[in-house]
Amino acid sequence: MARVFLIDPGAALYFPCHLMYDVADMKKTLNLYICREIAVPFLLGLATFTGILLMGRLLKIADLVVAKGVPLADITKIIVYLLPGFCIVTIPMAFLLSLLLAFGRLSADSEVTAMKASGVGLSSFLPPVLTCALVAYLATTFITVYALPWGNSAFKQLIYGEIETRATTSIRERVFLDDFPGITLYAERSDPDKHTLEGVLIHDERDASAPSTIFAEHGVVAADTVSRVVRMRLMNGSIHRTMGKGGYRLVEFKDYDLSLRLVPTDKSAFTNELDMTFKELRAAMKLPGQEPKNARNLQLEFHRRFSLPFACFVFAIIGVPLGIQNERSDKGSGFSVSIAIILLYYIILSAGKILGERGILDPVAAVWLPNLLFLIAGLYLFHKTAREEKILLFDLVRLKTRAQKLLRPRRNAR
C-alpha cells in the first residue's frame, strides 16, 4: 500500500506507509524525550541541593559524634529525620533547575527550532513538563503532610533520648557544659564511672529575675529516665543569689539536692505546628479561645504545606520560557538563573510569613503571594516566548557574555 503526493500534473512521488509518521506516536516520543531530559538534571540537582543544606548541619552532627559520643547508627537516623525538612525545599529547587538546563540545552542545540519547524508549538511542551511537575508536586505534598511531622517528632525524641542516656556521662573535667536548659555546669574533676564530681560550679538562670550561682566541693549525679530528671546531690557548698535591685542572698549548705529537667514530660510542651500531622493541625485550628498569634501560626503552617508543593507547577510555567530564552548563555547560567529565582521566591515567602505572623497580612495571602506573583511572571514569559519575542533582560545578558568573550583575547595578549 502506498500514498501518492502530486507535485505537478506530470510527476508523482510515492511514499511507503512505513516511512510516514503517526502523530500520536510522534507526540509520545516527544513527551518521553522531554521527560528524560528533565529527569537526569532533576536527580543531580536534588542530590546537590540536599547535600548543600546538609553541610550546614555537619558541624553539629560532628560535635555529636566527637564530643557527645553518639553512635553512627543514631547519626544515620538523625540525617534521615532531617531529610524531609530539606526535601520540601530541594524538590521544587531541583525541578526548576532541571527545566532550565533541559530546555536551555534543547534551545542551544537548535532542537527547539527544529521542533517548531515541524509544527510543534511551545504549548506542546507543557504536557510532559506538567506531568513531571505533578510527580514533583505529589512527592512534596506527601513529605509536607506525612514525612515532615514524622521526621521532626522523631528527631526531637532521638535527641532527647540521647540527652537522657548521656546526661551523667557527658560532664567532662574543666569544660563548661550547657546541655541543660538554663544551666551552665563546670567541674574541676569528674568520674564518669562513679558519677561523682569535685570542685563544682553551677550557674542557674532558669529564673531570670533571680539568677543564682552554686559552689560545692563534691557532688553525685544520677539520671531518672522515667521522670526525665537529672538529680544532683551537692555537698559542702554555698548558693549566691541576687534578689531584685541590689539585693543579695548567701546560703551555705552541707547537703543540697538540685533537680535538672532534661525535656518536657508533656508532649504538647515541646510540640509546635511543624511537628503536627495534617489531622492534628486541622484539629488545633478548630480549638476555641486560642491566642491570635498561635492561631495565625497554625494557619500559616496549614497553607504552607500546600503552597510549597504547588510551587512545582509555578516553576513549570516559568522554567520553560526561561530555559529557551537563556539559550546562548554559558553552561553555568542555568544554575545561576535557578538560584536567583529560588532566592527571590523564598525572600518573598519569608517576607509574607513575617507579615502574616504580625497580622499585617492575611495568612492565606501571605503564604500564596509568591506563587501568585511568579505565576503571573511565568505566563508573561510564556506568552513572549511563544510569539518568539525577545526579552530585554536576556538580551542584556547575551550582550554582556559576548563582550566578555571579545575582551578575553585582549586581556590574555597583555
Protein backbone atom coordinates (compact mmCIF):
# COMPACT_ATOMS: atom_id res chain seq x y z
CA MET A 1 0.00 0.00 0.00
CA ALA A 2 1.34 3.50 -0.85
CA ARG A 3 0.28 7.11 -0.65
CA VAL A 4 0.52 9.47 -3.65
CA PHE A 5 1.55 13.13 -3.42
CA LEU A 6 1.10 15.14 -6.67
CA ILE A 7 3.83 17.70 -7.26
CA ASP A 8 2.80 18.71 -10.74
CA PRO A 9 0.46 17.24 -13.36
CA GLY A 10 3.26 15.25 -14.97
CA ALA A 11 5.03 13.87 -11.88
CA ALA A 12 4.16 11.94 -8.73
CA LEU A 13 6.06 10.80 -5.62
CA TYR A 14 5.24 7.54 -3.88
CA PHE A 15 5.96 7.09 -0.14
CA PRO A 16 5.55 3.68 1.52
CA CYS A 17 3.35 3.74 4.61
CA HIS A 18 6.21 2.61 6.92
CA LEU A 19 8.02 5.89 6.12
CA MET A 20 5.09 8.04 7.18
CA TYR A 21 4.98 9.08 10.84
CA ASP A 22 1.96 8.81 13.09
CA VAL A 23 1.04 11.97 15.01
CA ALA A 24 0.21 10.10 18.22
CA ASP A 25 3.49 8.18 18.14
CA MET A 26 5.40 11.38 17.47
CA LYS A 27 3.81 13.11 20.48
CA LYS A 28 4.53 10.11 22.67
CA THR A 29 8.16 10.06 21.56
CA LEU A 30 8.47 13.80 22.13
CA ASN A 31 6.94 13.57 25.61
CA LEU A 32 9.26 10.75 26.66
CA TYR A 33 12.24 12.60 25.23
CA ILE A 34 11.48 15.75 27.22
CA CYS A 35 10.82 13.75 30.40
CA ARG A 36 14.21 12.05 30.04
CA GLU A 37 15.87 15.42 29.52
CA ILE A 38 14.28 16.67 32.76
CA ALA A 39 14.85 13.55 34.87
CA VAL A 40 18.66 13.43 34.89
CA PRO A 41 19.35 17.06 35.92
CA PHE A 42 16.49 16.82 38.42
CA LEU A 43 18.12 13.91 40.25
CA LEU A 44 21.52 15.59 40.15
CA GLY A 45 20.05 18.88 41.36
CA LEU A 46 18.14 17.16 44.16
CA ALA A 47 21.30 15.43 45.40
CA THR A 48 23.32 18.66 45.10
CA PHE A 49 20.85 20.96 46.87
CA THR A 50 20.16 18.41 49.62
CA GLY A 51 23.89 17.94 50.17
CA ILE A 52 24.43 21.70 50.40
CA LEU A 53 21.71 22.07 53.04
CA LEU A 54 23.02 19.06 54.92
CA MET A 55 26.52 20.55 55.04
CA GLY A 56 25.12 23.34 57.21
CA ARG A 57 24.37 20.72 59.88
CA LEU A 58 27.63 18.78 59.58
CA LEU A 59 29.39 20.73 62.34
CA LYS A 60 26.62 19.98 64.83
CA ILE A 61 26.48 16.36 63.72
CA ALA A 62 30.27 16.06 64.04
CA ASP A 63 30.03 17.51 67.56
CA LEU A 64 27.52 14.80 68.47
CA VAL A 65 29.99 12.15 67.31
CA VAL A 66 33.19 13.62 68.78
CA ALA A 67 32.04 15.43 71.92
CA LYS A 68 28.92 13.50 72.89
CA GLY A 69 29.93 10.04 71.70
CA VAL A 70 26.70 9.44 69.80
CA PRO A 71 27.00 6.20 67.76
CA LEU A 72 26.98 6.29 63.97
CA ALA A 73 23.69 4.38 63.84
CA ASP A 74 21.96 7.25 65.65
CA ILE A 75 23.74 9.78 63.43
CA THR A 76 22.28 7.99 60.39
CA LYS A 77 18.83 8.22 61.95
CA ILE A 78 19.31 11.94 62.57
CA ILE A 79 20.18 12.50 58.90
CA VAL A 80 17.13 10.50 57.79
CA TYR A 81 14.88 12.53 60.11
CA LEU A 82 16.30 15.80 58.73
CA LEU A 83 15.78 14.86 55.07
CA PRO A 84 12.01 15.62 54.90
CA GLY A 85 12.65 19.20 56.04
CA PHE A 86 15.24 19.57 53.30
CA CYS A 87 13.24 17.87 50.55
CA ILE A 88 10.23 20.21 50.76
CA VAL A 89 12.65 22.92 49.64
CA THR A 90 15.04 21.00 47.39
CA ILE A 91 12.43 19.21 45.25
CA PRO A 92 10.98 22.46 43.78
CA MET A 93 14.50 23.86 43.50
CA ALA A 94 15.79 20.81 41.64
CA PHE A 95 12.74 20.78 39.36
CA LEU A 96 13.27 24.39 38.33
CA LEU A 97 16.97 23.74 37.71
CA SER A 98 16.17 20.68 35.59
CA LEU A 99 13.78 22.70 33.40
CA LEU A 100 16.31 25.47 32.84
CA LEU A 101 19.09 23.03 31.98
CA ALA A 102 16.92 20.78 29.81
CA PHE A 103 15.29 23.48 27.70
CA GLY A 104 18.47 25.53 27.66
CA ARG A 105 20.28 22.61 26.03
CA LEU A 106 17.43 21.89 23.62
CA SER A 107 17.40 25.54 22.59
CA ALA A 108 21.19 25.86 22.35
CA ASP A 109 21.38 22.77 20.09
CA SER A 110 18.60 24.19 17.89
CA GLU A 111 16.31 21.28 18.74
CA VAL A 112 13.55 23.68 19.78
CA THR A 113 13.87 25.41 16.40
CA ALA A 114 13.63 22.05 14.62
CA MET A 115 10.54 21.13 16.62
CA LYS A 116 8.89 24.44 15.75
CA ALA A 117 9.72 23.88 12.08
CA SER A 118 7.95 20.51 12.33
CA GLY A 119 4.80 22.21 13.60
CA VAL A 120 5.40 21.62 17.31
CA GLY A 121 4.45 24.76 19.22
CA LEU A 122 5.57 25.85 22.65
CA SER A 123 2.32 24.64 24.17
CA SER A 124 3.22 21.11 23.07
CA PHE A 125 6.00 21.11 25.66
CA LEU A 126 3.52 21.61 28.51
CA PRO A 127 2.04 18.06 28.79
CA PRO A 128 5.36 16.33 29.65
CA VAL A 129 6.50 19.28 31.77
CA LEU A 130 3.24 19.39 33.73
CA THR A 131 3.36 15.61 34.14
CA CYS A 132 6.81 15.90 35.72
CA ALA A 133 5.52 18.82 37.81
CA LEU A 134 2.64 16.61 39.02
CA VAL A 135 5.09 13.91 40.14
CA ALA A 136 7.20 16.51 41.98
CA TYR A 137 4.03 18.03 43.49
CA LEU A 138 2.76 14.67 44.80
CA ALA A 139 6.17 13.82 46.27
CA THR A 140 6.43 17.21 48.01
CA THR A 141 2.84 17.02 49.26
CA PHE A 142 3.44 13.58 50.76
CA ILE A 143 6.51 14.92 52.53
CA THR A 144 4.78 18.04 53.90
CA VAL A 145 1.67 16.16 55.08
CA TYR A 146 3.23 12.97 56.46
CA ALA A 147 7.04 12.78 56.37
CA LEU A 148 7.82 16.26 57.74
CA PRO A 149 5.90 15.98 61.05
CA TRP A 150 7.16 12.41 61.46
CA GLY A 151 10.76 13.48 60.89
CA ASN A 152 10.54 16.48 63.23
CA SER A 153 8.94 14.48 66.04
CA ALA A 154 11.32 11.53 65.65
CA PHE A 155 14.32 13.87 65.56
CA LYS A 156 13.32 15.53 68.85
CA GLN A 157 12.62 12.20 70.51
CA LEU A 158 16.01 10.86 69.43
CA ILE A 159 17.86 13.94 70.66
CA TYR A 160 16.02 13.91 73.97
CA GLY A 161 16.74 10.20 74.32
CA GLU A 162 20.44 10.82 73.78
CA ILE A 163 20.40 13.60 76.38
CA GLU A 164 18.72 11.29 78.87
CA THR A 165 21.13 8.44 78.20
CA ARG A 166 24.31 10.52 78.37
CA ALA A 167 23.31 13.14 80.94
CA THR A 168 25.50 11.64 83.66
CA THR A 169 28.44 10.72 81.41
CA SER A 170 28.74 13.88 79.29
CA ILE A 171 30.15 16.01 82.14
CA ARG A 172 33.83 16.48 81.39
CA GLU A 173 36.54 17.92 83.56
CA ARG A 174 37.22 21.67 83.26
CA VAL A 175 34.67 22.13 80.48
CA PHE A 176 31.60 24.36 80.75
CA LEU A 177 28.52 22.28 79.96
CA ASP A 178 25.30 23.96 78.79
CA ASP A 179 23.26 20.92 77.73
CA PHE A 180 20.68 21.56 80.45
CA PRO A 181 18.18 24.36 79.71
CA GLY A 182 19.10 27.47 81.70
CA ILE A 183 22.03 25.75 83.46
CA THR A 184 25.78 26.09 82.98
CA LEU A 185 27.84 23.47 84.82
CA TYR A 186 31.59 23.25 85.49
CA ALA A 187 33.57 20.63 87.41
CA GLU A 188 37.29 20.53 88.22
CA ARG A 189 37.28 16.72 88.29
CA SER A 190 34.72 14.10 87.34
CA ASP A 191 34.49 10.32 87.45
CA PRO A 192 32.08 9.04 84.76
CA ASP A 193 32.06 5.52 86.23
CA LYS A 194 31.14 6.57 89.76
CA HIS A 195 29.16 9.64 88.59
CA THR A 196 30.96 11.86 91.09
CA LEU A 197 32.14 15.47 90.74
CA GLU A 198 34.65 17.66 92.57
CA GLY A 199 35.00 21.44 92.53
CA VAL A 200 31.51 22.05 91.17
CA LEU A 201 30.26 25.42 89.88
CA ILE A 202 26.68 25.79 88.63
CA HIS A 203 25.13 28.96 87.22
CA ASP A 204 21.33 28.76 87.27
CA GLU A 205 19.36 31.17 85.04
CA ARG A 206 16.07 29.27 84.96
CA ASP A 207 14.55 32.11 86.97
CA ALA A 208 15.66 35.19 85.03
CA SER A 209 14.53 37.54 87.80
CA ALA A 210 16.72 35.83 90.44
CA PRO A 211 19.72 34.04 88.89
CA SER A 212 21.96 32.09 91.25
CA THR A 213 25.44 30.61 91.35
CA ILE A 214 26.21 27.44 93.33
CA PHE A 215 29.64 26.31 94.55
CA ALA A 216 30.19 22.83 96.02
CA GLU A 217 33.19 20.72 96.98
CA HIS A 218 31.65 17.41 95.94
CA GLY A 219 28.65 16.17 94.00
CA VAL A 220 26.93 12.98 92.85
CA VAL A 221 24.89 12.80 89.65
CA ALA A 222 22.02 10.39 88.89
CA ALA A 223 19.56 10.38 85.98
CA ASP A 224 15.94 9.29 86.34
CA THR A 225 14.85 8.23 82.84
CA VAL A 226 11.24 7.75 83.93
CA SER A 227 10.67 11.31 85.11
CA ARG A 228 13.34 12.66 82.71
CA VAL A 229 15.15 14.45 85.52
CA VAL A 230 18.83 14.59 86.47
CA ARG A 231 19.30 14.76 90.24
CA MET A 232 22.45 16.22 91.76
CA ARG A 233 23.38 15.89 95.41
CA LEU A 234 25.89 18.60 96.26
CA MET A 235 27.95 18.64 99.49
CA ASN A 236 29.72 21.42 101.37
CA GLY A 237 28.87 24.45 99.32
CA SER A 238 27.09 27.76 99.07
CA ILE A 239 24.38 29.43 96.98
CA HIS A 240 24.80 33.04 95.85
CA ARG A 241 21.57 34.62 94.60
CA THR A 242 20.70 38.15 93.51
CA MET A 243 17.38 39.47 94.79
CA GLY A 244 15.78 42.36 92.90
CA LYS A 245 17.70 45.61 92.54
CA GLY A 246 20.87 45.42 94.58
CA GLY A 247 19.63 42.54 96.75
CA TYR A 248 21.86 39.59 97.56
CA ARG A 249 21.40 36.32 99.48
CA LEU A 250 24.02 33.81 100.58
CA VAL A 251 23.05 30.31 101.73
CA GLU A 252 25.62 27.77 102.93
CA PHE A 253 24.79 24.07 102.97
CA LYS A 254 26.20 20.67 103.80
CA ASP A 255 23.80 18.76 101.52
CA TYR A 256 21.77 20.26 98.71
CA ASP A 257 19.64 18.44 96.12
CA LEU A 258 19.30 20.03 92.70
CA SER A 259 16.91 18.68 90.06
CA LEU A 260 17.51 19.43 86.39
CA ARG A 261 14.72 18.59 83.98
CA LEU A 262 16.04 17.25 80.70
CA VAL A 263 12.99 17.60 78.49
CA PRO A 264 9.31 18.38 78.99
CA THR A 265 7.32 15.36 80.08
CA ASP A 266 4.21 16.58 78.30
CA LYS A 267 4.34 16.20 74.52
CA SER A 268 2.37 19.40 73.99
CA ALA A 269 5.09 21.37 75.74
CA PHE A 270 7.66 20.75 73.02
CA THR A 271 5.42 20.10 70.00
CA ASN A 272 4.79 23.04 67.70
CA GLU A 273 2.90 23.37 64.43
CA LEU A 274 5.85 21.95 62.46
CA ASP A 275 5.58 18.65 64.37
CA MET A 276 1.83 18.26 63.89
CA THR A 277 0.32 15.88 61.40
CA PHE A 278 -2.24 17.22 58.96
CA LYS A 279 -5.06 15.89 61.13
CA GLU A 280 -3.59 17.40 64.32
CA LEU A 281 -3.08 20.72 62.58
CA ARG A 282 -6.71 20.91 61.46
CA ALA A 283 -7.91 19.94 64.93
CA ALA A 284 -5.71 22.60 66.56
CA MET A 285 -7.07 25.26 64.21
CA LYS A 286 -10.62 24.50 65.38
CA LEU A 287 -9.84 24.85 69.09
CA PRO A 288 -11.66 27.85 70.62
CA GLY A 289 -10.03 30.54 72.72
CA GLN A 290 -6.59 30.50 71.11
CA GLU A 291 -4.20 33.42 71.21
CA PRO A 292 -4.22 35.37 67.92
CA LYS A 293 -0.51 34.71 67.38
CA ASN A 294 -0.88 30.94 67.77
CA ALA A 295 -3.93 30.92 65.50
CA ARG A 296 -2.02 32.79 62.80
CA ASN A 297 0.95 30.42 63.08
CA LEU A 298 -1.32 27.41 62.66
CA GLN A 299 -3.00 28.91 59.59
CA LEU A 300 0.37 29.85 58.08
CA GLU A 301 1.69 26.30 58.53
CA PHE A 302 -1.54 24.78 57.20
CA HIS A 303 -1.42 26.75 53.94
CA ARG A 304 2.37 26.47 53.67
CA ARG A 305 2.02 22.71 53.34
CA PHE A 306 0.00 23.27 50.16
CA SER A 307 1.73 26.33 48.72
CA LEU A 308 5.25 24.87 48.72
CA PRO A 309 4.30 21.78 46.67
CA PHE A 310 2.25 23.97 44.31
CA ALA A 311 5.46 25.86 43.53
CA CYS A 312 6.37 22.92 41.29
CA PHE A 313 3.57 23.92 38.87
CA VAL A 314 4.57 27.58 39.09
CA PHE A 315 8.18 26.72 38.29
CA ALA A 316 6.95 24.58 35.38
CA ILE A 317 5.31 27.63 33.78
CA ILE A 318 8.26 29.92 34.40
CA GLY A 319 11.03 27.40 33.75
CA VAL A 320 10.22 26.51 30.12
CA PRO A 321 10.36 30.04 28.67
CA LEU A 322 13.36 30.95 30.83
CA GLY A 323 15.25 27.90 29.61
CA ILE A 324 14.51 28.71 25.97
CA GLN A 325 15.26 32.42 26.32
CA ASN A 326 18.54 31.59 28.06
CA GLU A 327 19.76 29.62 25.03
CA ARG A 328 23.01 31.39 24.22
CA SER A 329 24.41 31.95 27.67
CA ASP A 330 27.30 29.95 29.13
CA LYS A 331 26.84 26.50 30.68
CA GLY A 332 26.63 27.76 34.24
CA SER A 333 23.92 30.31 33.52
CA GLY A 334 21.09 27.80 34.06
CA PHE A 335 22.32 27.12 37.58
CA SER A 336 22.80 30.85 38.25
CA VAL A 337 19.32 31.76 36.98
CA SER A 338 17.70 28.99 39.04
CA ILE A 339 19.49 30.13 42.21
CA ALA A 340 18.43 33.74 41.58
CA ILE A 341 14.77 32.76 41.05
CA ILE A 342 14.75 30.48 44.08
CA LEU A 343 16.29 33.15 46.30
CA LEU A 344 13.75 35.71 45.13
CA TYR A 345 10.91 33.23 45.68
CA TYR A 346 11.94 32.41 49.26
CA ILE A 347 12.67 36.05 50.09
CA ILE A 348 9.10 36.92 49.12
CA LEU A 349 7.85 33.86 51.01
CA SER A 350 9.78 34.85 54.16
CA ALA A 351 8.57 38.44 53.92
CA GLY A 352 4.99 37.25 53.54
CA LYS A 353 5.36 34.92 56.52
CA ILE A 354 6.66 37.77 58.69
CA LEU A 355 3.75 39.98 57.64
CA GLY A 356 1.36 37.10 58.34
CA GLU A 357 2.81 36.44 61.81
CA ARG A 358 2.43 40.12 62.71
CA GLY A 359 -1.16 40.19 61.49
CA ILE A 360 -0.44 42.75 58.78
CA LEU A 361 -1.34 40.31 56.00
CA ASP A 362 -3.91 37.54 55.95
CA PRO A 363 -2.22 34.11 56.42
CA VAL A 364 -3.65 32.79 53.14
CA ALA A 365 -2.38 35.77 51.15
CA ALA A 366 0.97 35.75 52.99
CA VAL A 367 1.75 32.16 52.02
CA TRP A 368 0.32 32.14 48.48
CA LEU A 369 1.72 35.54 47.44
CA PRO A 370 4.98 34.18 45.91
CA ASN A 371 3.08 31.60 43.84
CA LEU A 372 0.73 34.26 42.50
CA LEU A 373 3.50 36.68 41.56
CA PHE A 374 5.66 34.03 39.91
CA LEU A 375 2.67 32.54 38.09
CA ILE A 376 1.88 35.95 36.54
CA ALA A 377 5.54 36.38 35.58
CA GLY A 378 5.63 32.87 34.12
CA LEU A 379 2.54 33.41 31.99
CA TYR A 380 4.03 36.66 30.69
CA LEU A 381 7.33 34.97 29.80
CA PHE A 382 5.49 32.04 28.21
CA HIS A 383 3.43 34.40 26.06
CA LYS A 384 6.51 36.33 24.93
CA THR A 385 8.45 33.16 24.15
CA ALA A 386 5.54 31.57 22.26
CA ARG A 387 5.44 34.64 19.99
CA GLU A 388 9.24 34.43 19.63
CA GLU A 389 9.72 37.86 21.15
CA LYS A 390 12.98 38.59 22.89
CA ILE A 391 13.09 39.73 26.49
CA LEU A 392 15.25 42.74 27.30
CA LEU A 393 16.84 41.13 30.34
CA PHE A 394 18.20 38.18 28.35
CA ASP A 395 19.36 40.46 25.53
CA LEU A 396 21.45 42.36 28.06
CA VAL A 397 22.85 39.10 29.45
CA ARG A 398 23.78 37.89 25.98
CA LEU A 399 25.46 41.21 25.12
CA LYS A 400 27.45 41.05 28.36
CA THR A 401 28.53 37.47 27.61
CA ARG A 402 29.66 38.37 24.08
CA ALA A 403 31.55 41.40 25.36
CA GLN A 404 33.38 39.26 27.90
CA LYS A 405 34.34 36.76 25.20
CA LEU A 406 35.66 39.55 22.97
CA LEU A 407 37.69 41.08 25.78
CA ARG A 408 39.31 37.82 26.89
CA PRO A 409 41.80 37.56 23.98
CA ARG A 410 42.91 41.15 24.54
CA ARG A 411 43.48 40.57 28.23
CA ASN A 412 45.39 37.35 27.53
CA ALA A 413 47.52 39.17 24.93
CA ARG A 414 48.55 41.70 27.54
